[in-house]
Amino acid sequence: MELDKDLRSRQQVRCLVSRADEAWQTLKGFDQGQIDRIVEAVSRAGADHAAELAELACRETGFGNVPDKTAKNLFAARTVYDAIRGMKTIGILREDKARRTMDVGVPVGVIAALVPSTNPTSTVIYKTMIALKGGNTVVFSPHPNARECTVRTVELLQQAVAAAGCPAGAVGCIDPPTQEALQELMHHPAVRLILATGGSGMVRAAYSSGKPAIGVGAGNGPAYIHKSADIPRAVAQIIASKTFDNGTVCASEQSIILEAPIESRVHAELKAQGGYFLSADEAAQVAALLLRPNGTINPKIVGKTACQIARMAGLTGVPETARVLVAKETQAGPTRPYSREKLCPILALFVEPDEDTVLEKVCQVLENEGSGHTFVMHCTDDAVIRRFALRVPVSRFLVNAPGATGGIGATTNLFPALTLGCGAVGGSSSSNNIGPLDLINIRRVAAGVRDMPENAGHTTDGDFAVSEETLRRLTEKIMKKLL
C-alpha cells in the first residue's frame, strides 16, 4: 500500500513538471508586456486574498499571528511587485552601441520551489511573482504542516494568471506533499533550478540534488547597541522586529550585544518596553524547551508569543504584558540554545567589556550559526559602522533598522524579498535578496572590435610561445568536439 502511495506521488510530480515544461514552451515566446500582465494578476490576487490566506496559515500551522501574516502577504503582493514592475527581464535588456554589446534575458525554465511552514502563503505569492517575471514556470513543494494554506494560495494564483493569459500548468503544486514527491521534483530532468527556502536539511538536499540551486542558510542575527545609539529607539525597533509575526522572520534579531557601561540603561529600557528578564532557573526551564535532542529547534515554540512559551515552560511569574523573554548569555555554540536561531520572541543578552570584544562576540555568534545572513547595528558613529562592516560575515548589514522588516527590504532600500541569500560564507550560491534577475540567464552579445596583434602568441624573452599552425590545429579539434 505504501509502495502504491509512493508511486502515485512520484507520478503526480512527473505530470506537474511535464505540464510546467509545456507551459514554459509557450511562455518563453511571450514579450515583456504579456509577462507583466500576468505578474500584475499575481499581485492583485495576493493582495485581494491577503487576510484570508493569513488566517488559513495561522490556523493550520499555529505559527505567528493574522495581522502580521496579512502584512507579509501584502508585502509579497504589493511591495515586491512595485520593485519589479518596471524591470526588464525578457528580450533585449540593455544595449551599449558604443561598445557594441547587448544583453538578452533568457528564462531558466521550470523552477522547483520549496515552501517553509513559517511563511507559507507569502512565500508562494513572492516566488510565483519572481519566477513568472523571469518568464519561468514553477512547481511548489509545500511543507507538510502547511499543506492546506499553500495549496489554497496556489489555486488562487492559478485562477488569476489563467485569466491574464498565462498557459495552463505554469504554476503547479504537489498535493499531498511527501518526501518521495520532493525527491522526484528535485531530480526531474526538466527542472532547471531549485529555489529552496526552509530548514537546513531541505536546503542541503536542494544543493546535493545535482541541480543549480538557490538556498538560504539559518538566520541568527545579533543586534549590537553601540554607546552612541538612541537607546529607546533601538530597543523599540528590536522588540517590534522580534515580535513581528511572533519572530518567524529569519532576519529578525536573535540576540542583543552591548558594552558594559550602557548595560543598566538598556536593561531599564527593555523592561519598560515589555522585555521580561529570565532568572537563572527560569532561563534553564525555557532552554530545555528550545532545542530537540538532535540539536534542532523545537517546532512547538516556533511562532508562539512570549507568554505562551513561558506557560509551556511552566513559568508562573511572567506577566501577560511581556512581549519578549530575555536571557543573559556569555557564550555561543551548538549547546548554548540562547545563542542559536530562535524563531520566537526570545532574545539572548551578551554584555561585553568593550567594542573589540563586542566585535569578537558578534563574529563568534555568526560563525556558530547564521554566517552570511543578517547583522543589525544601532549606532551613529560612522567610523564604528565602517569598522564592523569590513569584518562582520553577513550579506545584510542593517544600521538603525529593525532586522525582520529591514532584512527583507520593507523598511530599507534593500531589494524586497522573502528569500535571503547568505553567500558562500553561509553555504549559499548567492548573497542577494533574491529577485527575478537571479532566476534568468543573460546571453551576452558582443561584436568584434579589434584584431588580434600579429605577434600574438610569440615572445622574444624565451617564454613559452604557440605557433600559428599549432593554434590552428587546436582550434580545429575544439570545434569538432563542440559540433
Protein backbone atom coordinates (compact mmCIF):
# COMPACT_ATOMS: atom_id res chain seq x y z
CA MET A 1 0.00 0.00 0.00
CA GLU A 2 2.86 2.37 0.90
CA LEU A 3 4.56 1.46 -2.37
CA ASP A 4 1.43 2.41 -4.33
CA LYS A 5 1.28 5.72 -2.47
CA ASP A 6 4.92 6.47 -3.29
CA LEU A 7 4.38 5.61 -6.95
CA ARG A 8 1.31 7.85 -7.16
CA SER A 9 3.23 10.64 -5.50
CA ARG A 10 6.10 10.40 -7.96
CA GLN A 11 3.74 10.13 -10.91
CA GLN A 12 1.92 13.29 -9.82
CA VAL A 13 5.22 15.16 -9.82
CA ARG A 14 6.08 13.90 -13.28
CA CYS A 15 2.73 15.18 -14.56
CA LEU A 16 3.13 18.55 -12.84
CA VAL A 17 6.62 19.07 -14.22
CA SER A 18 5.57 17.91 -17.69
CA ARG A 19 2.72 20.44 -17.70
CA ALA A 20 5.03 23.15 -16.39
CA ASP A 21 7.55 22.40 -19.13
CA GLU A 22 4.84 22.52 -21.81
CA ALA A 23 3.63 25.82 -20.39
CA TRP A 24 7.17 27.17 -20.48
CA GLN A 25 7.49 26.32 -24.18
CA THR A 26 4.61 28.76 -24.72
CA LEU A 27 5.61 31.27 -22.07
CA LYS A 28 9.12 31.75 -23.40
CA GLY A 29 7.60 33.20 -26.56
CA PHE A 30 5.80 35.94 -24.62
CA ASP A 31 7.04 39.52 -24.76
CA GLN A 32 7.63 41.76 -21.75
CA GLY A 33 4.14 43.23 -21.88
CA GLN A 34 2.43 39.83 -21.80
CA ILE A 35 4.62 38.69 -18.91
CA ASP A 36 3.96 41.89 -16.97
CA ARG A 37 0.19 41.49 -17.27
CA ILE A 38 0.47 38.01 -15.75
CA VAL A 39 2.68 39.27 -12.91
CA GLU A 40 0.20 42.07 -12.21
CA ALA A 41 -2.52 39.46 -11.85
CA VAL A 42 -0.44 37.65 -9.21
CA SER A 43 -0.09 40.94 -7.33
CA ARG A 44 -3.82 41.66 -7.38
CA ALA A 45 -4.80 38.16 -6.31
CA GLY A 46 -2.25 38.09 -3.50
CA ALA A 47 -3.41 41.45 -2.18
CA ASP A 48 -7.12 40.65 -2.51
CA HIS A 49 -6.77 37.43 -0.50
CA ALA A 50 -4.04 38.54 1.93
CA ALA A 51 -6.18 38.37 5.07
CA GLU A 52 -7.93 35.14 4.11
CA LEU A 53 -4.63 33.38 3.47
CA ALA A 54 -3.12 34.75 6.69
CA GLU A 55 -5.98 33.33 8.73
CA LEU A 56 -5.64 29.99 7.00
CA ALA A 57 -1.88 29.85 7.61
CA CYS A 58 -2.19 30.71 11.30
CA ARG A 59 -4.97 28.21 11.87
CA GLU A 60 -3.13 25.38 10.13
CA THR A 61 0.44 25.93 11.37
CA GLY A 62 -0.12 27.59 14.72
CA PHE A 63 2.72 29.98 13.90
CA GLY A 64 2.60 33.78 14.12
CA ASN A 65 -0.49 35.97 14.09
CA VAL A 66 -3.04 37.04 11.50
CA PRO A 67 -2.28 40.80 11.29
CA ASP A 68 1.43 40.26 10.67
CA LYS A 69 0.92 37.38 8.27
CA THR A 70 -1.51 39.61 6.39
CA ALA A 71 1.21 42.27 6.27
CA LYS A 72 3.68 39.71 4.90
CA ASN A 73 1.21 38.66 2.21
CA LEU A 74 0.71 42.31 1.25
CA PHE A 75 4.49 42.83 1.24
CA ALA A 76 4.86 39.94 -1.22
CA ALA A 77 1.91 41.06 -3.33
CA ARG A 78 2.47 44.82 -3.41
CA THR A 79 5.97 45.80 -2.28
CA VAL A 80 7.75 43.13 -4.32
CA TYR A 81 5.52 43.93 -7.28
CA ASP A 82 6.29 47.64 -7.07
CA ALA A 83 10.01 46.82 -7.11
CA ILE A 84 9.86 44.60 -10.20
CA ARG A 85 7.04 46.27 -12.15
CA GLY A 86 9.30 48.23 -14.49
CA MET A 87 12.15 45.72 -14.51
CA LYS A 88 13.21 44.38 -17.92
CA THR A 89 13.62 40.61 -17.85
CA ILE A 90 12.51 39.50 -21.32
CA GLY A 91 14.27 40.02 -24.65
CA ILE A 92 16.93 42.71 -25.03
CA LEU A 93 17.64 44.05 -21.55
CA ARG A 94 20.27 46.61 -22.44
CA GLU A 95 22.41 47.65 -25.38
CA ASP A 96 25.67 49.60 -25.50
CA LYS A 97 26.09 50.80 -29.05
CA ALA A 98 29.44 52.41 -28.35
CA ARG A 99 30.93 49.16 -27.04
CA ARG A 100 28.83 47.07 -29.46
CA THR A 101 27.45 44.78 -26.76
CA MET A 102 23.94 43.64 -25.93
CA ASP A 103 22.40 41.67 -23.05
CA VAL A 104 19.48 39.34 -23.71
CA GLY A 105 17.31 37.90 -20.93
CA VAL A 106 16.93 34.13 -21.16
CA PRO A 107 14.40 32.36 -18.89
CA VAL A 108 15.72 29.41 -16.89
CA GLY A 109 12.69 27.15 -17.44
CA VAL A 110 10.89 25.07 -14.82
CA ILE A 111 11.71 26.07 -11.24
CA ALA A 112 11.14 23.81 -8.24
CA ALA A 113 10.14 25.98 -5.28
CA LEU A 114 10.28 24.69 -1.72
CA VAL A 115 7.97 26.40 0.78
CA PRO A 116 8.58 26.81 4.55
CA SER A 117 5.90 26.40 7.18
CA THR A 118 6.79 29.74 8.82
CA ASN A 119 5.86 31.89 5.81
CA PRO A 120 3.88 29.58 3.55
CA THR A 121 1.40 31.86 1.79
CA SER A 122 3.61 34.93 1.39
CA THR A 123 6.43 32.75 0.02
CA VAL A 124 4.12 31.30 -2.66
CA ILE A 125 2.96 34.77 -3.75
CA TYR A 126 6.54 36.06 -3.84
CA LYS A 127 8.10 33.07 -5.62
CA THR A 128 5.30 32.89 -8.18
CA MET A 129 5.78 36.56 -8.95
CA ILE A 130 9.57 36.49 -9.40
CA ALA A 131 9.50 33.21 -11.33
CA LEU A 132 6.87 34.36 -13.83
CA LYS A 133 8.50 37.79 -14.13
CA GLY A 134 11.58 36.00 -15.45
CA GLY A 135 9.49 34.05 -17.98
CA ASN A 136 9.75 30.81 -15.98
CA THR A 137 7.22 28.33 -14.69
CA VAL A 138 7.15 26.98 -11.15
CA VAL A 139 6.13 23.85 -9.24
CA PHE A 140 5.76 24.18 -5.46
CA SER A 141 6.52 21.62 -2.78
CA PRO A 142 4.60 22.62 0.38
CA HIS A 143 5.75 21.90 3.90
CA PRO A 144 3.53 19.05 5.21
CA ASN A 145 2.45 21.20 8.15
CA ALA A 146 1.31 24.00 5.83
CA ARG A 147 -0.24 21.96 3.04
CA GLU A 148 -3.76 23.39 3.09
CA CYS A 149 -2.80 27.08 3.08
CA THR A 150 -0.08 26.55 0.46
CA VAL A 151 -2.40 24.66 -1.88
CA ARG A 152 -5.13 27.28 -1.45
CA THR A 153 -2.67 30.07 -2.31
CA VAL A 154 -1.53 28.25 -5.43
CA GLU A 155 -5.14 27.67 -6.52
CA LEU A 156 -5.96 31.36 -6.22
CA LEU A 157 -2.88 32.35 -8.20
CA GLN A 158 -3.59 29.73 -10.86
CA GLN A 159 -7.01 31.24 -11.44
CA ALA A 160 -5.59 34.76 -11.58
CA VAL A 161 -2.78 34.04 -14.05
CA ALA A 162 -5.06 31.96 -16.29
CA ALA A 163 -7.40 34.94 -16.63
CA ALA A 164 -4.37 37.06 -17.60
CA GLY A 165 -3.41 34.74 -20.44
CA CYS A 166 -0.85 32.52 -18.75
CA PRO A 167 -0.65 28.98 -20.19
CA ALA A 168 -2.15 26.21 -18.05
CA GLY A 169 0.33 24.37 -15.87
CA ALA A 170 2.67 27.35 -15.40
CA VAL A 171 2.05 27.30 -11.64
CA GLY A 172 1.73 23.88 -10.02
CA CYS A 173 1.74 22.37 -6.56
CA ILE A 174 2.38 18.93 -5.12
CA ASP A 175 -0.57 17.68 -3.10
CA PRO A 176 -0.19 15.84 -0.83
CA PRO A 177 3.45 16.68 -0.15
CA THR A 178 5.65 13.66 0.53
CA GLN A 179 9.38 13.05 0.79
CA GLU A 180 9.21 10.89 -2.33
CA ALA A 181 7.48 13.64 -4.27
CA LEU A 182 10.07 16.19 -3.17
CA GLN A 183 12.92 13.93 -4.28
CA GLU A 184 11.24 13.33 -7.62
CA LEU A 185 10.77 17.07 -8.11
CA MET A 186 14.34 18.00 -7.28
CA HIS A 187 15.79 15.32 -9.59
CA HIS A 188 13.37 15.62 -12.53
CA PRO A 189 15.32 16.26 -15.77
CA ALA A 190 13.01 19.12 -16.82
CA VAL A 191 13.56 21.07 -13.60
CA ARG A 192 16.28 23.63 -14.31
CA LEU A 193 16.62 25.37 -10.93
CA ILE A 194 15.66 24.78 -7.29
CA LEU A 195 14.61 27.75 -5.17
CA ALA A 196 14.81 26.48 -1.61
CA THR A 197 13.52 28.24 1.49
CA GLY A 198 13.19 26.22 4.66
CA GLY A 199 15.17 24.21 7.17
CA SER A 200 18.85 23.43 6.78
CA GLY A 201 18.12 19.81 5.83
CA MET A 202 15.86 20.87 2.99
CA VAL A 203 18.40 23.37 1.71
CA ARG A 204 21.22 20.80 1.85
CA ALA A 205 19.06 18.36 -0.10
CA ALA A 206 18.50 21.00 -2.78
CA TYR A 207 22.23 21.63 -3.16
CA SER A 208 23.02 17.91 -3.22
CA SER A 209 20.46 17.21 -5.95
CA GLY A 210 22.90 17.96 -8.74
CA LYS A 211 20.71 20.82 -9.96
CA PRO A 212 21.55 24.52 -9.86
CA ALA A 213 20.00 25.74 -6.60
CA ILE A 214 19.47 28.93 -4.65
CA GLY A 215 19.14 28.10 -0.98
CA VAL A 216 19.35 30.13 2.19
CA GLY A 217 21.06 29.33 5.46
CA ALA A 218 19.89 29.89 9.00
CA GLY A 219 19.35 33.38 10.31
CA ASN A 220 20.82 34.14 13.71
CA GLY A 221 21.32 37.87 13.58
CA PRO A 222 22.86 39.63 16.56
CA ALA A 223 21.93 43.25 17.27
CA TYR A 224 24.69 45.49 18.60
CA ILE A 225 23.54 48.52 20.56
CA HIS A 226 26.51 50.88 20.48
CA LYS A 227 27.01 53.53 23.15
CA SER A 228 26.27 56.24 20.55
CA ALA A 229 22.84 54.80 19.76
CA ASP A 230 19.47 56.29 20.57
CA ILE A 231 18.79 53.53 23.11
CA PRO A 232 14.97 53.88 23.47
CA ARG A 233 14.60 53.85 19.68
CA ALA A 234 16.98 50.92 19.28
CA VAL A 235 15.12 48.84 21.87
CA ALA A 236 11.76 49.73 20.31
CA GLN A 237 12.94 48.59 16.89
CA ILE A 238 14.41 45.35 18.22
CA ILE A 239 11.26 44.43 20.14
CA ALA A 240 8.97 45.37 17.25
CA SER A 241 11.09 43.26 14.92
CA LYS A 242 11.37 40.28 17.28
CA THR A 243 7.61 40.21 17.89
CA PHE A 244 6.63 40.69 14.23
CA ASP A 245 4.66 37.55 13.37
CA ASN A 246 5.94 36.18 16.70
CA GLY A 247 9.53 36.03 15.49
CA THR A 248 9.13 33.81 12.42
CA VAL A 249 11.07 36.06 10.02
CA CYS A 250 14.59 34.64 9.67
CA ALA A 251 16.17 38.11 9.56
CA SER A 252 14.80 39.03 13.00
CA GLU A 253 17.22 39.66 15.86
CA GLN A 254 18.23 36.64 17.94
CA SER A 255 20.48 38.36 20.47
CA ILE A 256 21.46 41.78 21.79
CA ILE A 257 25.13 42.57 22.33
CA LEU A 258 26.30 45.66 24.15
CA GLU A 259 29.13 47.12 26.21
CA ALA A 260 29.05 47.03 29.99
CA PRO A 261 28.90 50.84 30.53
CA ILE A 262 25.42 51.04 28.96
CA GLU A 263 24.01 47.77 30.38
CA SER A 264 21.84 49.43 33.03
CA ARG A 265 20.29 51.85 30.51
CA VAL A 266 19.49 49.10 28.03
CA HIS A 267 18.19 46.84 30.80
CA ALA A 268 15.82 49.53 32.04
CA GLU A 269 14.60 50.31 28.53
CA LEU A 270 13.97 46.67 27.72
CA LYS A 271 11.90 46.28 30.90
CA ALA A 272 9.96 49.45 30.16
CA GLN A 273 9.07 48.25 26.67
CA GLY A 274 7.90 44.73 27.55
CA GLY A 275 11.08 42.72 27.99
CA TYR A 276 10.98 40.11 30.75
CA PHE A 277 14.39 39.10 32.13
CA LEU A 278 14.53 35.41 32.99
CA SER A 279 16.19 34.38 36.22
CA ALA A 280 18.85 31.67 36.01
CA ASP A 281 16.31 28.99 36.98
CA GLU A 282 13.69 30.32 34.56
CA ALA A 283 16.25 30.51 31.77
CA ALA A 284 17.14 26.86 32.37
CA GLN A 285 13.46 25.86 32.17
CA VAL A 286 12.95 27.72 28.88
CA ALA A 287 16.27 26.45 27.49
CA ALA A 288 15.02 22.89 27.94
CA LEU A 289 12.20 23.74 25.51
CA LEU A 290 14.24 25.47 22.82
CA LEU A 291 16.06 22.54 21.25
CA ARG A 292 15.16 18.96 20.45
CA PRO A 293 17.55 16.14 21.43
CA ASN A 294 19.07 16.21 17.93
CA GLY A 295 20.06 19.85 18.40
CA THR A 296 17.44 21.38 16.07
CA ILE A 297 14.88 23.98 17.08
CA ASN A 298 11.76 22.67 18.80
CA PRO A 299 8.82 23.39 16.44
CA LYS A 300 6.47 23.68 19.41
CA ILE A 301 7.92 27.06 20.36
CA VAL A 302 8.17 28.48 16.81
CA GLY A 303 5.90 31.45 16.21
CA LYS A 304 4.42 31.45 19.71
CA THR A 305 4.13 34.54 21.95
CA ALA A 306 6.41 35.12 24.91
CA CYS A 307 3.60 34.33 27.32
CA GLN A 308 2.69 31.11 25.54
CA ILE A 309 6.29 29.92 25.74
CA ALA A 310 6.50 30.87 29.41
CA ARG A 311 3.41 28.78 30.16
CA MET A 312 4.80 25.86 28.16
CA ALA A 313 7.97 26.02 30.28
CA GLY A 314 5.94 26.09 33.49
CA LEU A 315 6.84 29.65 34.47
CA THR A 316 4.33 31.41 36.69
CA GLY A 317 5.89 34.83 37.20
CA VAL A 318 5.79 36.13 33.63
CA PRO A 319 3.19 38.92 33.28
CA GLU A 320 0.74 39.00 30.39
CA THR A 321 2.32 42.28 29.30
CA ALA A 322 5.63 40.54 28.49
CA ARG A 323 6.47 40.88 24.81
CA VAL A 324 9.87 39.18 24.73
CA LEU A 325 11.80 36.88 27.06
CA VAL A 326 15.42 37.91 27.65
CA ALA A 327 18.12 35.56 28.94
CA LYS A 328 21.68 36.53 29.90
CA GLU A 329 24.26 34.59 27.88
CA THR A 330 28.06 34.56 27.82
CA GLN A 331 28.99 32.00 25.17
CA ALA A 332 27.98 30.94 21.67
CA GLY A 333 27.89 27.37 20.46
CA PRO A 334 25.68 24.47 19.39
CA THR A 335 24.93 23.53 23.01
CA ARG A 336 24.05 27.09 24.04
CA PRO A 337 20.40 27.37 22.94
CA TYR A 338 20.11 31.12 23.59
CA SER A 339 22.97 31.78 21.17
CA ARG A 340 21.11 29.91 18.40
CA GLU A 341 18.35 30.93 15.99
CA LYS A 342 15.06 31.16 17.91
CA LEU A 343 12.03 31.72 15.69
CA CYS A 344 10.01 33.16 18.56
CA PRO A 345 10.15 36.22 20.88
CA ILE A 346 13.23 35.15 22.87
CA LEU A 347 16.46 37.15 22.95
CA ALA A 348 19.90 36.39 24.34
CA LEU A 349 21.74 39.27 26.00
CA PHE A 350 25.53 39.41 25.80
CA VAL A 351 27.38 42.09 27.79
CA GLU A 352 31.00 42.68 26.77
CA PRO A 353 33.66 44.95 28.30
CA ASP A 354 34.45 46.97 25.17
CA GLU A 355 33.96 47.43 21.43
CA ASP A 356 36.73 44.99 20.50
CA THR A 357 35.19 42.13 22.45
CA VAL A 358 31.76 43.00 21.04
CA LEU A 359 33.14 42.55 17.53
CA GLU A 360 34.67 39.22 18.51
CA LYS A 361 31.39 38.07 20.06
CA VAL A 362 29.35 39.12 17.03
CA CYS A 363 31.61 37.08 14.75
CA GLN A 364 31.59 34.14 17.16
CA VAL A 365 27.80 34.06 17.27
CA LEU A 366 27.52 34.19 13.49
CA GLU A 367 30.27 31.66 12.85
CA ASN A 368 28.46 29.23 15.10
CA GLU A 369 25.16 29.78 13.23
CA GLY A 370 23.93 32.45 10.84
CA SER A 371 27.05 33.24 8.80
CA GLY A 372 26.18 35.23 5.71
CA HIS A 373 22.68 36.19 6.82
CA THR A 374 21.94 39.38 8.77
CA PHE A 375 23.50 41.67 11.39
CA VAL A 376 21.87 44.72 12.98
CA MET A 377 23.79 47.67 14.39
CA HIS A 378 22.33 50.63 16.29
CA CYS A 379 24.98 53.31 16.11
CA THR A 380 25.56 56.91 15.00
CA ASP A 381 29.36 56.71 14.79
CA ASP A 382 30.26 56.27 11.12
CA ALA A 383 33.80 55.11 11.90
CA VAL A 384 32.49 52.27 14.06
CA ILE A 385 29.89 51.32 11.45
CA ARG A 386 32.59 51.11 8.77
CA ARG A 387 34.85 49.07 11.02
CA PHE A 388 32.15 46.48 11.67
CA ALA A 389 31.03 46.49 8.02
CA LEU A 390 34.51 45.37 6.99
CA ARG A 391 34.57 42.46 9.43
CA VAL A 392 31.13 41.03 10.18
CA PRO A 393 30.45 37.96 7.94
CA VAL A 394 26.93 38.75 6.69
CA SER A 395 25.16 39.66 3.46
CA ARG A 396 22.77 42.14 5.11
CA PHE A 397 24.31 44.69 7.46
CA LEU A 398 21.48 46.84 8.81
CA VAL A 399 22.11 50.17 10.53
CA ASN A 400 19.48 51.69 12.84
CA ALA A 401 16.77 49.47 11.35
CA PRO A 402 14.67 46.54 12.58
CA GLY A 403 16.05 43.19 11.44
CA ALA A 404 12.83 41.47 10.37
CA THR A 405 11.48 44.22 8.12
CA GLY A 406 14.84 45.75 7.26
CA GLY A 407 16.39 42.49 6.07
CA ILE A 408 13.56 41.74 3.66
CA GLY A 409 13.65 45.28 2.29
CA ALA A 410 10.34 46.50 3.73
CA THR A 411 11.89 49.32 5.78
CA THR A 412 15.24 49.67 3.98
CA ASN A 413 16.30 50.13 0.38
CA LEU A 414 17.39 46.52 0.04
CA PHE A 415 15.59 44.64 -2.72
CA PRO A 416 12.28 43.41 -1.28
CA ALA A 417 12.39 39.63 -1.00
CA LEU A 418 11.44 36.68 1.17
CA THR A 419 14.39 34.52 0.13
CA LEU A 420 17.62 35.98 1.51
CA GLY A 421 20.86 34.57 0.13
CA CYS A 422 23.73 34.03 2.55
CA GLY A 423 26.65 33.94 0.12
CA ALA A 424 29.49 31.44 0.10
CA VAL A 425 30.27 32.01 3.79
CA GLY A 426 26.75 30.84 4.61
CA GLY A 427 26.72 27.95 2.15
CA SER A 428 24.53 29.75 -0.37
CA SER A 429 25.06 30.31 -4.09
CA SER A 430 24.02 33.97 -3.82
CA SER A 431 24.28 36.78 -1.29
CA ASN A 432 21.36 38.67 -2.87
CA ASN A 433 17.86 39.31 -1.73
CA ILE A 434 16.57 37.03 -4.46
CA GLY A 435 14.60 38.62 -7.31
CA PRO A 436 13.68 37.92 -10.95
CA LEU A 437 17.18 38.68 -12.24
CA ASP A 438 18.50 35.81 -10.13
CA LEU A 439 16.13 33.48 -12.00
CA ILE A 440 17.20 34.26 -15.55
CA ASN A 441 20.38 33.81 -17.55
CA ILE A 442 21.97 36.62 -19.52
CA ARG A 443 23.00 36.00 -23.11
CA ARG A 444 25.79 38.48 -23.84
CA VAL A 445 26.17 39.52 -27.47
CA ALA A 446 29.47 41.14 -28.41
CA ALA A 447 30.69 42.29 -31.84
CA GLY A 448 34.33 42.09 -32.83
CA VAL A 449 36.01 45.46 -32.34
CA ARG A 450 39.69 44.72 -32.76
CA ASP A 451 42.06 42.28 -34.45
CA MET A 452 44.49 40.10 -32.57
CA PRO A 453 48.05 41.55 -32.72
CA GLU A 454 50.14 39.93 -35.45
CA ASN A 455 52.69 38.70 -32.92
CA ALA A 456 50.11 37.24 -30.55
CA GLY A 457 51.42 34.01 -29.07
CA HIS A 458 55.04 34.81 -29.87
CA THR A 459 57.55 36.17 -27.39
CA THR A 460 61.07 37.50 -27.57
CA ASP A 461 62.16 36.77 -23.99
CA GLY A 462 62.25 32.98 -24.07
CA ASP A 463 58.77 32.41 -22.63
CA PHE A 464 56.60 29.61 -23.99
CA ALA A 465 55.01 30.52 -27.33
CA VAL A 466 52.39 28.78 -29.50
CA SER A 467 52.87 28.86 -33.25
CA GLU A 468 50.04 29.84 -35.58
CA GLU A 469 49.95 26.29 -37.00
CA THR A 470 49.64 24.72 -33.54
CA LEU A 471 46.92 27.19 -32.63
CA ARG A 472 45.03 26.37 -35.83
CA ARG A 473 45.13 22.60 -35.13
CA LEU A 474 43.98 23.10 -31.53
CA THR A 475 41.12 25.27 -32.71
CA GLU A 476 40.01 22.61 -35.23
CA LYS A 477 39.99 19.93 -32.51
CA ILE A 478 37.95 22.08 -30.18
CA MET A 479 35.42 22.94 -32.89
CA LYS A 480 34.99 19.25 -33.82
CA LYS A 481 34.19 18.40 -30.20
CA LEU A 482 31.73 21.26 -29.93
CA LEU A 483 29.96 20.32 -33.13
